[in-house]
PDB file of all heavy atoms in Angstrom:
ATOM      1  N   MET A   1       3.756  -0.369 -21.013  1.00  0.00           N
ATOM      2  CA  MET A   1       5.065  -0.171 -20.402  1.00  0.00           C
ATOM      3  C   MET A   1       5.052  -0.277 -18.885  1.00  0.00           C
ATOM      4  O   MET A   1       6.112  -0.353 -18.283  1.00  0.00           O
ATOM      5  CB  MET A   1       5.612   1.189 -20.797  1.00  0.00           C
ATOM      6  CG  MET A   1       5.808   1.359 -22.266  1.00  0.00           C
ATOM      7  SD  MET A   1       6.390   3.014 -22.576  1.00  0.00           S
ATOM      8  CE  MET A   1       7.144   2.804 -24.150  1.00  0.00           C
ATOM      9  N   CYS A   2       3.879  -0.248 -18.268  1.00  0.00           N
ATOM     10  CA  CYS A   2       3.809  -0.288 -16.807  1.00  0.00           C
ATOM     11  C   CYS A   2       2.491  -0.919 -16.376  1.00  0.00           C
ATOM     12  O   CYS A   2       1.653  -1.244 -17.203  1.00  0.00           O
ATOM     13  CB  CYS A   2       3.936   1.124 -16.215  1.00  0.00           C
ATOM     14  SG  CYS A   2       2.583   2.214 -16.699  1.00  0.00           S
ATOM     15  N   HIS A   3       2.333  -1.075 -15.063  1.00  0.00           N
ATOM     16  CA  HIS A   3       1.112  -1.690 -14.559  1.00  0.00           C
ATOM     17  C   HIS A   3      -0.101  -0.785 -14.765  1.00  0.00           C
ATOM     18  O   HIS A   3      -1.222  -1.260 -14.857  1.00  0.00           O
ATOM     19  CB  HIS A   3       1.278  -2.055 -13.087  1.00  0.00           C
ATOM     20  CG  HIS A   3       2.272  -3.162 -12.893  1.00  0.00           C
ATOM     21  ND1 HIS A   3       2.008  -4.445 -13.291  1.00  0.00           N
ATOM     22  CD2 HIS A   3       3.521  -3.163 -12.376  1.00  0.00           C
ATOM     23  CE1 HIS A   3       3.067  -5.201 -13.017  1.00  0.00           C
ATOM     24  NE2 HIS A   3       3.993  -4.442 -12.467  1.00  0.00           N
ATOM     25  N   HIS A   4       0.134   0.512 -14.870  1.00  0.00           N
ATOM     26  CA  HIS A   4      -0.952   1.435 -15.191  1.00  0.00           C
ATOM     27  C   HIS A   4      -1.479   1.135 -16.600  1.00  0.00           C
ATOM     28  O   HIS A   4      -2.686   1.166 -16.835  1.00  0.00           O
ATOM     29  CB  HIS A   4      -0.461   2.883 -15.091  1.00  0.00           C
ATOM     30  CG  HIS A   4      -1.473   3.892 -15.528  1.00  0.00           C
ATOM     31  ND1 HIS A   4      -2.599   4.168 -14.795  1.00  0.00           N
ATOM     32  CD2 HIS A   4      -1.531   4.673 -16.627  1.00  0.00           C
ATOM     33  CE1 HIS A   4      -3.307   5.086 -15.438  1.00  0.00           C
ATOM     34  NE2 HIS A   4      -2.678   5.399 -16.545  1.00  0.00           N
ATOM     35  N   CYS A   5      -0.568   0.821 -17.499  1.00  0.00           N
ATOM     36  CA  CYS A   5      -0.971   0.482 -18.869  1.00  0.00           C
ATOM     37  C   CYS A   5      -1.823  -0.781 -18.892  1.00  0.00           C
ATOM     38  O   CYS A   5      -2.840  -0.837 -19.585  1.00  0.00           O
ATOM     39  CB  CYS A   5       0.258   0.293 -19.752  1.00  0.00           C
ATOM     40  SG  CYS A   5       1.260   1.784 -19.969  1.00  0.00           S
ATOM     41  N   THR A   6      -1.414  -1.802 -18.136  1.00  0.00           N
ATOM     42  CA  THR A   6      -2.201  -3.047 -18.113  1.00  0.00           C
ATOM     43  C   THR A   6      -3.576  -2.794 -17.522  1.00  0.00           C
ATOM     44  O   THR A   6      -4.564  -3.342 -18.002  1.00  0.00           O
ATOM     45  CB  THR A   6      -1.482  -4.156 -17.318  1.00  0.00           C
ATOM     46  OG1 THR A   6      -1.253  -3.718 -15.988  1.00  0.00           O
ATOM     47  CG2 THR A   6      -0.189  -4.559 -17.977  1.00  0.00           C
ATOM     48  N   ALA A   7      -3.652  -1.945 -16.504  1.00  0.00           N
ATOM     49  CA  ALA A   7      -4.953  -1.616 -15.920  1.00  0.00           C
ATOM     50  C   ALA A   7      -5.830  -0.890 -16.927  1.00  0.00           C
ATOM     51  O   ALA A   7      -7.046  -1.130 -17.000  1.00  0.00           O
ATOM     52  CB  ALA A   7      -4.763  -0.765 -14.667  1.00  0.00           C
ATOM     53  N   HIS A   8      -5.223  -0.024 -17.721  1.00  0.00           N
ATOM     54  CA  HIS A   8      -5.955   0.725 -18.746  1.00  0.00           C
ATOM     55  C   HIS A   8      -6.508  -0.232 -19.815  1.00  0.00           C
ATOM     56  O   HIS A   8      -7.659  -0.115 -20.240  1.00  0.00           O
ATOM     57  CB  HIS A   8      -5.015   1.752 -19.381  1.00  0.00           C
ATOM     58  CG  HIS A   8      -5.723   2.866 -20.072  1.00  0.00           C
ATOM     59  ND1 HIS A   8      -5.339   4.162 -19.956  1.00  0.00           N
ATOM     60  CD2 HIS A   8      -6.790   2.881 -20.897  1.00  0.00           C
ATOM     61  CE1 HIS A   8      -6.126   4.921 -20.685  1.00  0.00           C
ATOM     62  NE2 HIS A   8      -7.011   4.167 -21.272  1.00  0.00           N
ATOM     63  N   VAL A   9      -5.692  -1.201 -20.237  1.00  0.00           N
ATOM     64  CA  VAL A   9      -6.132  -2.188 -21.233  1.00  0.00           C
ATOM     65  C   VAL A   9      -7.249  -3.049 -20.657  1.00  0.00           C
ATOM     66  O   VAL A   9      -8.260  -3.293 -21.318  1.00  0.00           O
ATOM     67  CB  VAL A   9      -4.937  -3.062 -21.701  1.00  0.00           C
ATOM     68  CG1 VAL A   9      -5.412  -4.260 -22.492  1.00  0.00           C
ATOM     69  CG2 VAL A   9      -3.971  -2.227 -22.527  1.00  0.00           C
ATOM     70  N   GLU A  10      -7.088  -3.501 -19.421  1.00  0.00           N
ATOM     71  CA  GLU A  10      -8.127  -4.323 -18.792  1.00  0.00           C
ATOM     72  C   GLU A  10      -9.435  -3.557 -18.689  1.00  0.00           C
ATOM     73  O   GLU A  10     -10.502  -4.097 -18.968  1.00  0.00           O
ATOM     74  CB  GLU A  10      -7.685  -4.774 -17.400  1.00  0.00           C
ATOM     75  CG  GLU A  10      -6.640  -5.849 -17.427  1.00  0.00           C
ATOM     76  CD  GLU A  10      -6.172  -6.239 -16.028  1.00  0.00           C
ATOM     77  OE1 GLU A  10      -6.712  -5.728 -15.024  1.00  0.00           O
ATOM     78  OE2 GLU A  10      -5.245  -7.076 -15.949  1.00  0.00           O
ATOM     79  N   LYS A  11      -9.364  -2.290 -18.308  1.00  0.00           N
ATOM     80  CA  LYS A  11     -10.570  -1.479 -18.178  1.00  0.00           C
ATOM     81  C   LYS A  11     -11.270  -1.330 -19.531  1.00  0.00           C
ATOM     82  O   LYS A  11     -12.486  -1.445 -19.620  1.00  0.00           O
ATOM     83  CB  LYS A  11     -10.213  -0.106 -17.614  1.00  0.00           C
ATOM     84  CG  LYS A  11     -11.406   0.791 -17.389  1.00  0.00           C
ATOM     85  CD  LYS A  11     -10.990   2.109 -16.782  1.00  0.00           C
ATOM     86  CE  LYS A  11     -12.194   3.021 -16.605  1.00  0.00           C
ATOM     87  NZ  LYS A  11     -11.804   4.332 -16.072  1.00  0.00           N
ATOM     88  N   ALA A  12     -10.488  -1.103 -20.579  1.00  0.00           N
ATOM     89  CA  ALA A  12     -11.072  -0.940 -21.913  1.00  0.00           C
ATOM     90  C   ALA A  12     -11.736  -2.231 -22.382  1.00  0.00           C
ATOM     91  O   ALA A  12     -12.841  -2.206 -22.938  1.00  0.00           O
ATOM     92  CB  ALA A  12      -9.994  -0.506 -22.906  1.00  0.00           C
ATOM     93  N   LEU A  13     -11.087  -3.369 -22.158  1.00  0.00           N
ATOM     94  CA  LEU A  13     -11.655  -4.645 -22.607  1.00  0.00           C
ATOM     95  C   LEU A  13     -12.844  -5.075 -21.741  1.00  0.00           C
ATOM     96  O   LEU A  13     -13.844  -5.576 -22.247  1.00  0.00           O
ATOM     97  CB  LEU A  13     -10.577  -5.728 -22.608  1.00  0.00           C
ATOM     98  CG  LEU A  13      -9.515  -5.581 -23.693  1.00  0.00           C
ATOM     99  CD1 LEU A  13      -8.352  -6.542 -23.445  1.00  0.00           C
ATOM    100  CD2 LEU A  13     -10.112  -5.814 -25.073  1.00  0.00           C
ATOM    101  N   ASN A  14     -12.741  -4.883 -20.435  1.00  0.00           N
ATOM    102  CA  ASN A  14     -13.822  -5.289 -19.544  1.00  0.00           C
ATOM    103  C   ASN A  14     -15.067  -4.432 -19.710  1.00  0.00           C
ATOM    104  O   ASN A  14     -16.151  -4.810 -19.255  1.00  0.00           O
ATOM    105  CB  ASN A  14     -13.361  -5.275 -18.083  1.00  0.00           C
ATOM    106  CG  ASN A  14     -12.404  -6.406 -17.784  1.00  0.00           C
ATOM    107  OD1 ASN A  14     -12.477  -7.468 -18.372  1.00  0.00           O
ATOM    108  ND2 ASN A  14     -11.487  -6.169 -16.862  1.00  0.00           N
ATOM    109  N   ALA A  15     -14.937  -3.272 -20.362  1.00  0.00           N
ATOM    110  CA  ALA A  15     -16.091  -2.421 -20.626  1.00  0.00           C
ATOM    111  C   ALA A  15     -16.991  -3.020 -21.707  1.00  0.00           C
ATOM    112  O   ALA A  15     -18.155  -2.646 -21.822  1.00  0.00           O
ATOM    113  CB  ALA A  15     -15.630  -1.031 -21.036  1.00  0.00           C
ATOM    114  N   ILE A  16     -16.471  -3.959 -22.482  1.00  0.00           N
ATOM    115  CA  ILE A  16     -17.264  -4.618 -23.530  1.00  0.00           C
ATOM    116  C   ILE A  16     -18.108  -5.695 -22.862  1.00  0.00           C
ATOM    117  O   ILE A  16     -17.601  -6.510 -22.087  1.00  0.00           O
ATOM    118  CB  ILE A  16     -16.348  -5.252 -24.600  1.00  0.00           C
ATOM    119  CG1 ILE A  16     -15.437  -4.193 -25.218  1.00  0.00           C
ATOM    120  CG2 ILE A  16     -17.177  -5.952 -25.668  1.00  0.00           C
ATOM    121  CD1 ILE A  16     -14.340  -4.776 -26.098  1.00  0.00           C
ATOM    122  N   GLU A  17     -19.390  -5.719 -23.172  1.00  0.00           N
ATOM    123  CA  GLU A  17     -20.286  -6.695 -22.561  1.00  0.00           C
ATOM    124  C   GLU A  17     -19.902  -8.110 -22.986  1.00  0.00           C
ATOM    125  O   GLU A  17     -19.662  -8.381 -24.155  1.00  0.00           O
ATOM    126  CB  GLU A  17     -21.733  -6.414 -22.972  1.00  0.00           C
ATOM    127  CG  GLU A  17     -22.724  -7.284 -22.239  1.00  0.00           C
ATOM    128  CD  GLU A  17     -24.159  -6.908 -22.544  1.00  0.00           C
ATOM    129  OE1 GLU A  17     -24.401  -5.757 -22.938  1.00  0.00           O
ATOM    130  OE2 GLU A  17     -25.021  -7.769 -22.384  1.00  0.00           O
ATOM    131  N   GLY A  18     -19.808  -8.994 -22.005  1.00  0.00           N
ATOM    132  CA  GLY A  18     -19.464 -10.383 -22.277  1.00  0.00           C
ATOM    133  C   GLY A  18     -17.974 -10.658 -22.316  1.00  0.00           C
ATOM    134  O   GLY A  18     -17.553 -11.737 -22.697  1.00  0.00           O
ATOM    135  N   VAL A  19     -17.149  -9.671 -21.913  1.00  0.00           N
ATOM    136  CA  VAL A  19     -15.691  -9.829 -21.939  1.00  0.00           C
ATOM    137  C   VAL A  19     -15.150  -9.709 -20.524  1.00  0.00           C
ATOM    138  O   VAL A  19     -15.505  -8.795 -19.779  1.00  0.00           O
ATOM    139  CB  VAL A  19     -15.022  -8.766 -22.843  1.00  0.00           C
ATOM    140  CG1 VAL A  19     -13.513  -8.857 -22.761  1.00  0.00           C
ATOM    141  CG2 VAL A  19     -15.488  -8.924 -24.275  1.00  0.00           C
ATOM    142  N   GLN A  20     -14.287 -10.644 -20.179  1.00  0.00           N
ATOM    143  CA  GLN A  20     -13.536 -10.564 -18.923  1.00  0.00           C
ATOM    144  C   GLN A  20     -12.067 -10.706 -19.317  1.00  0.00           C
ATOM    145  O   GLN A  20     -11.673 -11.712 -19.901  1.00  0.00           O
ATOM    146  CB  GLN A  20     -13.968 -11.670 -17.972  1.00  0.00           C
ATOM    147  CG  GLN A  20     -13.390 -11.526 -16.597  1.00  0.00           C
ATOM    148  CD  GLN A  20     -13.952 -12.550 -15.632  1.00  0.00           C
ATOM    149  OE1 GLN A  20     -14.622 -13.485 -16.035  1.00  0.00           O
ATOM    150  NE2 GLN A  20     -13.668 -12.371 -14.364  1.00  0.00           N
ATOM    151  N   ALA A  21     -11.258  -9.691 -18.983  1.00  0.00           N
ATOM    152  CA  ALA A  21      -9.880  -9.643 -19.463  1.00  0.00           C
ATOM    153  C   ALA A  21      -8.877  -9.528 -18.331  1.00  0.00           C
ATOM    154  O   ALA A  21      -9.153  -8.922 -17.298  1.00  0.00           O
ATOM    155  CB  ALA A  21      -9.705  -8.450 -20.407  1.00  0.00           C
ATOM    156  N   VAL A  22      -7.702 -10.123 -18.566  1.00  0.00           N
ATOM    157  CA  VAL A  22      -6.554  -9.989 -17.671  1.00  0.00           C
ATOM    158  C   VAL A  22      -5.349  -9.682 -18.560  1.00  0.00           C
ATOM    159  O   VAL A  22      -5.016 -10.464 -19.440  1.00  0.00           O
ATOM    160  CB  VAL A  22      -6.305 -11.284 -16.863  1.00  0.00           C
ATOM    161  CG1 VAL A  22      -5.072 -11.133 -16.001  1.00  0.00           C
ATOM    162  CG2 VAL A  22      -7.515 -11.635 -16.024  1.00  0.00           C
ATOM    163  N   ALA A  23      -4.715  -8.528 -18.319  1.00  0.00           N
ATOM    164  CA  ALA A  23      -3.565  -8.117 -19.126  1.00  0.00           C
ATOM    165  C   ALA A  23      -2.269  -8.532 -18.436  1.00  0.00           C
ATOM    166  O   ALA A  23      -2.200  -8.598 -17.213  1.00  0.00           O
ATOM    167  CB  ALA A  23      -3.584  -6.610 -19.344  1.00  0.00           C
ATOM    168  N   ASP A  24      -1.248  -8.813 -19.254  1.00  0.00           N
ATOM    169  CA  ASP A  24       0.052  -9.219 -18.735  1.00  0.00           C
ATOM    170  C   ASP A  24       1.120  -8.319 -19.331  1.00  0.00           C
ATOM    171  O   ASP A  24       1.291  -8.277 -20.554  1.00  0.00           O
ATOM    172  CB  ASP A  24       0.323 -10.678 -19.089  1.00  0.00           C
ATOM    173  CG  ASP A  24       1.700 -11.116 -18.652  1.00  0.00           C
ATOM    174  OD1 ASP A  24       2.084 -10.818 -17.515  1.00  0.00           O
ATOM    175  OD2 ASP A  24       2.393 -11.764 -19.455  1.00  0.00           O
ATOM    176  N   LEU A  25       1.822  -7.615 -18.458  1.00  0.00           N
ATOM    177  CA  LEU A  25       2.846  -6.677 -18.896  1.00  0.00           C
ATOM    178  C   LEU A  25       4.047  -7.386 -19.502  1.00  0.00           C
ATOM    179  O   LEU A  25       4.531  -7.015 -20.567  1.00  0.00           O
ATOM    180  CB  LEU A  25       3.283  -5.806 -17.717  1.00  0.00           C
ATOM    181  CG  LEU A  25       4.330  -4.745 -17.989  1.00  0.00           C
ATOM    182  CD1 LEU A  25       3.815  -3.755 -19.025  1.00  0.00           C
ATOM    183  CD2 LEU A  25       4.697  -4.022 -16.708  1.00  0.00           C
ATOM    184  N   GLU A  26       4.532  -8.435 -18.836  1.00  0.00           N
ATOM    185  CA  GLU A  26       5.717  -9.149 -19.319  1.00  0.00           C
ATOM    186  C   GLU A  26       5.473  -9.830 -20.663  1.00  0.00           C
ATOM    187  O   GLU A  26       6.328  -9.825 -21.532  1.00  0.00           O
ATOM    188  CB  GLU A  26       6.166 -10.177 -18.292  1.00  0.00           C
ATOM    189  CG  GLU A  26       6.734  -9.564 -17.042  1.00  0.00           C
ATOM    190  CD  GLU A  26       7.138 -10.606 -16.023  1.00  0.00           C
ATOM    191  OE1 GLU A  26       7.317 -11.776 -16.408  1.00  0.00           O
ATOM    192  OE2 GLU A  26       7.272 -10.238 -14.854  1.00  0.00           O
ATOM    193  N   GLY A  27       4.329 -10.437 -20.824  1.00  0.00           N
ATOM    194  CA  GLY A  27       4.014 -11.134 -22.066  1.00  0.00           C
ATOM    195  C   GLY A  27       3.480 -10.225 -23.153  1.00  0.00           C
ATOM    196  O   GLY A  27       3.260 -10.655 -24.275  1.00  0.00           O
ATOM    197  N   LYS A  28       3.250  -8.956 -22.804  1.00  0.00           N
ATOM    198  CA  LYS A  28       2.701  -7.974 -23.739  1.00  0.00           C
ATOM    199  C   LYS A  28       1.456  -8.507 -24.424  1.00  0.00           C
ATOM    200  O   LYS A  28       1.331  -8.468 -25.650  1.00  0.00           O
ATOM    201  CB  LYS A  28       3.742  -7.544 -24.761  1.00  0.00           C
ATOM    202  CG  LYS A  28       4.914  -6.825 -24.150  1.00  0.00           C
ATOM    203  CD  LYS A  28       5.865  -6.313 -25.202  1.00  0.00           C
ATOM    204  CE  LYS A  28       6.999  -5.578 -24.532  1.00  0.00           C
ATOM    205  NZ  LYS A  28       7.898  -4.972 -25.489  1.00  0.00           N
ATOM    206  N   CYS A  29       0.537  -9.031 -23.598  1.00  0.00           N
ATOM    207  CA  CYS A  29      -0.700  -9.559 -24.149  1.00  0.00           C
ATOM    208  C   CYS A  29      -1.799  -9.489 -23.098  1.00  0.00           C
ATOM    209  O   CYS A  29      -1.556  -9.120 -21.954  1.00  0.00           O
ATOM    210  CB  CYS A  29      -0.506 -10.993 -24.641  1.00  0.00           C
ATOM    211  SG  CYS A  29      -0.006 -12.134 -23.351  1.00  0.00           S
ATOM    212  N   ALA A  30      -2.990  -9.819 -23.527  1.00  0.00           N
ATOM    213  CA  ALA A  30      -4.132  -9.892 -22.624  1.00  0.00           C
ATOM    214  C   ALA A  30      -4.908 -11.152 -22.959  1.00  0.00           C
ATOM    215  O   ALA A  30      -5.110 -11.464 -24.134  1.00  0.00           O
ATOM    216  CB  ALA A  30      -5.017  -8.667 -22.775  1.00  0.00           C
ATOM    217  N   ARG A  31      -5.324 -11.869 -21.927  1.00  0.00           N
ATOM    218  CA  ARG A  31      -6.165 -13.043 -22.123  1.00  0.00           C
ATOM    219  C   ARG A  31      -7.593 -12.613 -21.834  1.00  0.00           C
ATOM    220  O   ARG A  31      -7.868 -12.056 -20.784  1.00  0.00           O
ATOM    221  CB  ARG A  31      -5.764 -14.182 -21.197  1.00  0.00           C
ATOM    222  CG  ARG A  31      -6.736 -15.361 -21.349  1.00  0.00           C
ATOM    223  CD  ARG A  31      -6.325 -16.551 -20.567  1.00  0.00           C
ATOM    224  NE  ARG A  31      -5.161 -17.130 -21.210  1.00  0.00           N
ATOM    225  CZ  ARG A  31      -4.243 -17.832 -20.590  1.00  0.00           C
ATOM    226  NH1 ARG A  31      -4.335 -18.044 -19.308  1.00  0.00           N
ATOM    227  NH2 ARG A  31      -3.223 -18.336 -21.237  1.00  0.00           N
ATOM    228  N   VAL A  32      -8.465 -12.852 -22.789  1.00  0.00           N
ATOM    229  CA  VAL A  32      -9.866 -12.496 -22.616  1.00  0.00           C
ATOM    230  C   VAL A  32     -10.715 -13.755 -22.618  1.00  0.00           C
ATOM    231  O   VAL A  32     -10.447 -14.701 -23.356  1.00  0.00           O
ATOM    232  CB  VAL A  32     -10.363 -11.514 -23.700  1.00  0.00           C
ATOM    233  CG1 VAL A  32      -9.662 -10.179 -23.588  1.00  0.00           C
ATOM    234  CG2 VAL A  32     -10.187 -12.068 -25.085  1.00  0.00           C
ATOM    235  N   THR A  33     -11.704 -13.767 -21.761  1.00  0.00           N
ATOM    236  CA  THR A  33     -12.687 -14.835 -21.724  1.00  0.00           C
ATOM    237  C   THR A  33     -13.996 -14.228 -22.174  1.00  0.00           C
ATOM    238  O   THR A  33     -14.474 -13.258 -21.589  1.00  0.00           O
ATOM    239  CB  THR A  33     -12.820 -15.407 -20.304  1.00  0.00           C
ATOM    240  OG1 THR A  33     -11.531 -15.861 -19.881  1.00  0.00           O
ATOM    241  CG2 THR A  33     -13.787 -16.562 -20.265  1.00  0.00           C
ATOM    242  N   LEU A  34     -14.556 -14.801 -23.237  1.00  0.00           N
ATOM    243  CA  LEU A  34     -15.782 -14.264 -23.825  1.00  0.00           C
ATOM    244  C   LEU A  34     -16.968 -15.129 -23.425  1.00  0.00           C
ATOM    245  O   LEU A  34     -16.949 -16.344 -23.613  1.00  0.00           O
ATOM    246  CB  LEU A  34     -15.661 -14.229 -25.350  1.00  0.00           C
ATOM    247  CG  LEU A  34     -14.439 -13.498 -25.921  1.00  0.00           C
ATOM    248  CD1 LEU A  34     -14.355 -13.691 -27.419  1.00  0.00           C
ATOM    249  CD2 LEU A  34     -14.506 -12.036 -25.579  1.00  0.00           C
ATOM    250  N   SER A  35     -18.004 -14.494 -22.886  1.00  0.00           N
ATOM    251  CA  SER A  35     -19.235 -15.214 -22.582  1.00  0.00           C
ATOM    252  C   SER A  35     -20.340 -14.784 -23.542  1.00  0.00           C
ATOM    253  O   SER A  35     -21.489 -15.175 -23.390  1.00  0.00           O
ATOM    254  CB  SER A  35     -19.660 -14.956 -21.132  1.00  0.00           C
ATOM    255  OG  SER A  35     -19.865 -13.581 -20.920  1.00  0.00           O
TER     256      SER A  35
END
């Protein structure tokens, strides 16, 4: 619902090894790049 939420999602996803994530509030999604 807010930019704090997107930061929370990014932090949770980026904590996974090999994941780089960017969350989007308007699109209600996150794009992850997996290495």
